[in-house]
């Protein structure tokens, strides 16, 4: 039986999902896809913030890299909406 994902793996998957949705949404500029992308970013940020507050794992590089990826997603989506 497979083991459940760790918190860090969950964050990584959530960020990858947000990146994918942002990419699709900014290509199509479809309002529903843009909203779904924003929702995915918000979910990734929430999981990231929860992990930071509990310091699940101590991989500082992972936290720094994840923060940068979330910020890039937000910037790309914000620029697409302008």
N, C-alpha and C. Protein backbone atom coordinates (compact mmCIF):
# COMPACT_ATOMS: atom_id res chain seq x y z
N UNK A 1 0.84 -1.18 0.00
CA UNK A 1 0.00 0.00 0.00
C UNK A 1 0.88 1.24 0.00
N UNK A 2 0.51 2.21 -0.74
CA UNK A 2 1.33 3.42 -0.83
C UNK A 2 1.16 4.28 0.41
N UNK A 3 2.21 5.02 0.71
CA UNK A 3 2.17 5.91 1.86
C UNK A 3 1.51 7.22 1.47
N UNK A 4 0.87 7.88 2.43
CA UNK A 4 0.27 9.18 2.11
C UNK A 4 1.37 10.19 1.80
N UNK A 5 1.00 11.19 1.03
CA UNK A 5 1.97 12.24 0.69
C UNK A 5 2.35 13.02 1.94
N UNK A 6 3.59 13.42 2.01
CA UNK A 6 4.03 14.28 3.09
C UNK A 6 3.51 15.69 2.83
N UNK A 7 3.58 16.53 3.82
CA UNK A 7 3.13 17.91 3.66
C UNK A 7 3.92 18.61 2.56
N UNK A 8 5.21 18.36 2.49
CA UNK A 8 6.03 19.00 1.47
C UNK A 8 5.64 18.52 0.08
N UNK A 9 5.33 17.25 -0.06
CA UNK A 9 4.89 16.73 -1.35
C UNK A 9 3.54 17.34 -1.74
N UNK A 10 2.67 17.52 -0.76
CA UNK A 10 1.36 18.13 -1.03
C UNK A 10 1.54 19.56 -1.53
N UNK A 11 2.43 20.29 -0.90
CA UNK A 11 2.70 21.67 -1.32
C UNK A 11 3.25 21.68 -2.73
N UNK A 12 4.20 20.80 -2.99
CA UNK A 12 4.80 20.74 -4.32
C UNK A 12 3.75 20.44 -5.39
N UNK A 13 2.88 19.48 -5.12
CA UNK A 13 1.84 19.13 -6.08
C UNK A 13 0.86 20.29 -6.28
N UNK A 14 0.53 20.97 -5.21
CA UNK A 14 -0.39 22.09 -5.27
C UNK A 14 0.20 23.23 -6.10
N UNK A 15 1.47 23.51 -5.92
CA UNK A 15 2.14 24.56 -6.69
C UNK A 15 2.22 24.18 -8.16
N UNK A 16 2.57 22.93 -8.44
CA UNK A 16 2.64 22.48 -9.84
C UNK A 16 1.27 22.59 -10.51
N UNK A 17 0.23 22.25 -9.78
CA UNK A 17 -1.12 22.38 -10.32
C UNK A 17 -1.44 23.84 -10.61
N UNK A 18 -1.09 24.72 -9.69
CA UNK A 18 -1.33 26.15 -9.89
C UNK A 18 -0.55 26.66 -11.10
N UNK A 19 0.69 26.24 -11.24
CA UNK A 19 1.50 26.67 -12.39
C UNK A 19 0.83 26.24 -13.70
N UNK A 20 0.37 25.01 -13.73
CA UNK A 20 -0.28 24.48 -14.94
C UNK A 20 -1.54 25.28 -15.26
N UNK A 21 -2.37 25.52 -14.25
CA UNK A 21 -3.61 26.25 -14.47
C UNK A 21 -3.35 27.70 -14.88
N UNK A 22 -2.35 28.32 -14.29
CA UNK A 22 -2.00 29.69 -14.66
C UNK A 22 -1.55 29.73 -16.12
N UNK A 23 -0.74 28.77 -16.51
CA UNK A 23 -0.27 28.70 -17.89
C UNK A 23 -1.42 28.56 -18.87
N UNK A 24 -2.35 27.66 -18.57
CA UNK A 24 -3.50 27.47 -19.45
C UNK A 24 -4.38 28.72 -19.48
N UNK A 25 -4.62 29.29 -18.32
CA UNK A 25 -5.52 30.44 -18.23
C UNK A 25 -4.95 31.65 -18.95
N UNK A 26 -3.65 31.87 -18.83
CA UNK A 26 -3.07 33.05 -19.47
C UNK A 26 -2.96 32.88 -20.97
N UNK A 27 -2.95 31.65 -21.44
CA UNK A 27 -2.97 31.42 -22.89
C UNK A 27 -4.36 31.66 -23.46
N UNK A 28 -5.37 31.17 -22.76
CA UNK A 28 -6.74 31.27 -23.27
C UNK A 28 -7.41 32.59 -22.91
N UNK A 29 -7.00 33.17 -21.78
CA UNK A 29 -7.62 34.39 -21.23
C UNK A 29 -9.12 34.18 -21.00
N UNK A 30 -9.50 32.94 -20.72
CA UNK A 30 -10.87 32.59 -20.39
C UNK A 30 -11.13 32.96 -18.93
N UNK A 31 -12.22 33.68 -18.70
CA UNK A 31 -12.54 34.14 -17.35
C UNK A 31 -12.65 33.02 -16.33
N UNK A 32 -13.28 31.92 -16.70
CA UNK A 32 -13.42 30.80 -15.78
C UNK A 32 -12.07 30.16 -15.46
N UNK A 33 -11.23 30.06 -16.47
CA UNK A 33 -9.90 29.49 -16.24
C UNK A 33 -9.04 30.43 -15.40
N UNK A 34 -9.18 31.73 -15.61
CA UNK A 34 -8.43 32.69 -14.79
C UNK A 34 -8.85 32.58 -13.33
N UNK A 35 -10.15 32.41 -13.09
CA UNK A 35 -10.63 32.26 -11.72
C UNK A 35 -10.13 30.95 -11.11
N UNK A 36 -10.17 29.88 -11.89
CA UNK A 36 -9.68 28.58 -11.40
C UNK A 36 -8.19 28.67 -11.07
N UNK A 37 -7.45 29.40 -11.88
CA UNK A 37 -6.01 29.57 -11.63
C UNK A 37 -5.79 30.35 -10.34
N UNK A 38 -6.59 31.39 -10.12
CA UNK A 38 -6.46 32.17 -8.88
C UNK A 38 -6.81 31.30 -7.67
N UNK A 39 -7.85 30.50 -7.80
CA UNK A 39 -8.22 29.59 -6.72
C UNK A 39 -7.10 28.60 -6.42
N UNK A 40 -6.45 28.08 -7.46
CA UNK A 40 -5.35 27.14 -7.28
C UNK A 40 -4.16 27.81 -6.59
N UNK A 41 -3.89 29.05 -6.96
CA UNK A 41 -2.82 29.80 -6.29
C UNK A 41 -3.16 29.99 -4.82
N UNK A 42 -4.39 30.37 -4.54
CA UNK A 42 -4.81 30.59 -3.16
C UNK A 42 -4.68 29.31 -2.33
N UNK A 43 -5.05 28.19 -2.92
CA UNK A 43 -4.93 26.91 -2.22
C UNK A 43 -3.47 26.57 -1.96
N UNK A 44 -2.62 26.78 -2.95
CA UNK A 44 -1.19 26.51 -2.78
C UNK A 44 -0.60 27.40 -1.68
N UNK A 45 -1.00 28.68 -1.69
CA UNK A 45 -0.51 29.61 -0.67
C UNK A 45 -0.97 29.19 0.72
N UNK A 46 -2.21 28.75 0.82
CA UNK A 46 -2.75 28.33 2.12
C UNK A 46 -1.98 27.12 2.65
N UNK A 47 -1.76 26.13 1.80
CA UNK A 47 -1.00 24.96 2.23
C UNK A 47 0.43 25.34 2.60
N UNK A 48 1.02 26.22 1.83
CA UNK A 48 2.37 26.68 2.09
C UNK A 48 2.44 27.41 3.43
N UNK A 49 1.49 28.30 3.68
CA UNK A 49 1.49 29.05 4.94
C UNK A 49 1.28 28.14 6.14
N UNK A 50 0.41 27.14 5.99
CA UNK A 50 0.20 26.19 7.09
C UNK A 50 1.48 25.42 7.39
N UNK A 51 2.16 24.97 6.35
CA UNK A 51 3.41 24.24 6.55
C UNK A 51 4.46 25.13 7.20
N UNK A 52 4.51 26.39 6.77
CA UNK A 52 5.47 27.32 7.36
C UNK A 52 5.19 27.53 8.85
N UNK A 53 3.92 27.65 9.19
CA UNK A 53 3.58 27.90 10.59
C UNK A 53 3.89 26.70 11.47
N UNK A 54 3.85 25.51 10.90
CA UNK A 54 4.17 24.31 11.66
C UNK A 54 5.59 23.82 11.41
N UNK A 55 6.25 24.46 10.43
CA UNK A 55 7.60 24.07 10.02
C UNK A 55 7.68 22.56 9.83
N UNK A 56 6.73 22.06 9.04
CA UNK A 56 6.72 20.64 8.71
C UNK A 56 7.94 20.34 7.87
N UNK A 57 8.83 19.55 8.38
CA UNK A 57 10.11 19.36 7.71
C UNK A 57 10.95 20.61 7.94
N UNK A 58 12.18 20.54 7.66
CA UNK A 58 13.03 21.71 7.90
C UNK A 58 13.83 22.08 6.66
N UNK A 59 13.26 21.83 5.52
CA UNK A 59 13.95 22.08 4.27
C UNK A 59 13.77 23.55 3.87
N UNK A 60 14.67 24.40 4.34
CA UNK A 60 14.56 25.84 4.08
C UNK A 60 14.63 26.17 2.60
N UNK A 61 15.46 25.45 1.85
CA UNK A 61 15.54 25.70 0.41
C UNK A 61 14.21 25.41 -0.26
N UNK A 62 13.54 24.37 0.17
CA UNK A 62 12.24 24.03 -0.39
C UNK A 62 11.26 25.16 -0.14
N UNK A 63 11.23 25.68 1.09
CA UNK A 63 10.31 26.77 1.42
C UNK A 63 10.60 28.02 0.59
N UNK A 64 11.87 28.33 0.45
CA UNK A 64 12.26 29.51 -0.33
C UNK A 64 11.87 29.35 -1.80
N UNK A 65 12.18 28.19 -2.36
CA UNK A 65 11.86 27.91 -3.77
C UNK A 65 10.34 27.92 -3.98
N UNK A 66 9.61 27.32 -3.07
CA UNK A 66 8.15 27.28 -3.18
C UNK A 66 7.56 28.68 -3.13
N UNK A 67 8.07 29.50 -2.25
CA UNK A 67 7.61 30.88 -2.14
C UNK A 67 7.83 31.63 -3.44
N UNK A 68 8.99 31.43 -4.04
CA UNK A 68 9.30 32.09 -5.32
C UNK A 68 8.36 31.62 -6.43
N UNK A 69 8.07 30.32 -6.47
CA UNK A 69 7.17 29.79 -7.50
C UNK A 69 5.76 30.36 -7.36
N UNK A 70 5.28 30.43 -6.12
CA UNK A 70 3.95 30.99 -5.88
C UNK A 70 3.93 32.45 -6.32
N UNK A 71 4.97 33.18 -5.97
CA UNK A 71 5.05 34.60 -6.36
C UNK A 71 5.06 34.75 -7.88
N UNK A 72 5.78 33.88 -8.58
CA UNK A 72 5.81 33.94 -10.05
C UNK A 72 4.42 33.66 -10.63
N UNK A 73 3.72 32.70 -10.07
CA UNK A 73 2.36 32.40 -10.53
C UNK A 73 1.45 33.61 -10.34
N UNK A 74 1.54 34.22 -9.17
CA UNK A 74 0.72 35.40 -8.89
C UNK A 74 1.03 36.53 -9.85
N UNK A 75 2.31 36.76 -10.10
CA UNK A 75 2.72 37.83 -11.01
C UNK A 75 2.21 37.57 -12.42
N UNK A 76 2.37 36.35 -12.90
CA UNK A 76 1.92 36.01 -14.25
C UNK A 76 0.41 36.21 -14.38
N UNK A 77 -0.33 35.77 -13.39
CA UNK A 77 -1.78 35.90 -13.45
C UNK A 77 -2.21 37.37 -13.33
N UNK A 78 -1.55 38.11 -12.45
CA UNK A 78 -1.87 39.53 -12.29
C UNK A 78 -1.61 40.29 -13.59
N UNK A 79 -0.48 40.02 -14.23
CA UNK A 79 -0.15 40.69 -15.49
C UNK A 79 -1.14 40.32 -16.59
N UNK A 80 -1.60 39.09 -16.59
CA UNK A 80 -2.58 38.67 -17.60
C UNK A 80 -3.91 39.38 -17.40
N UNK A 81 -4.24 39.69 -16.15
CA UNK A 81 -5.51 40.35 -15.85
C UNK A 81 -5.47 41.85 -16.09
N UNK A 82 -4.30 42.41 -16.30
CA UNK A 82 -4.19 43.86 -16.49
C UNK A 82 -4.54 44.27 -17.90
